[in-house]
């Protein structure tokens, strides 16, 4: 298995958690959340060790957004980014894709059967997985040196007081 950095694992974890959350939010219900969380945990428990290693870790907060549509777009983008990172190893990318599909399906089936809304979200997730599953990760950008900016000279606030200093 290819080694992934902590940052790459966080990207993968965030993308996977986002996909599962999208399915759960598609047909919300107070008690459904508990059933769906248990289903997601069961899917992780049943996944291959390499996927558990990549996805296990802490709970990640969802990205900030001003609307449901923006949140959904950010979560799908996060999944695409996760698949791009995972695609540095074709076998890992294939396993991750299979895990996301299985977890999303299990979450959808966890309460009251699969709704039309959940089916639609799963289709969008599958589309995001297909678009990125064969992508090759972009080469890291060269570091950019920040320009040196000198602080302005300190000036007194009122006559007779000592000048203020830049921190």
Foldseek 3Di string as FASTA:
>chain_A
DDDDDPVLLVLLLLLLVLLLVQLQVLDDDDVLVVLLVVLLVVLLVPADPVVVVSNDDDDDDQDDDDDPVVSNVVSLVSNLSSLQSQLVPLVSSVSSLVSSLSSLLSSCCRPPHHDPSSVVSSVSSNVSSVVRSNDHHDDDDDDDDDDDDDDDDFDCPDPPDDTDDDD
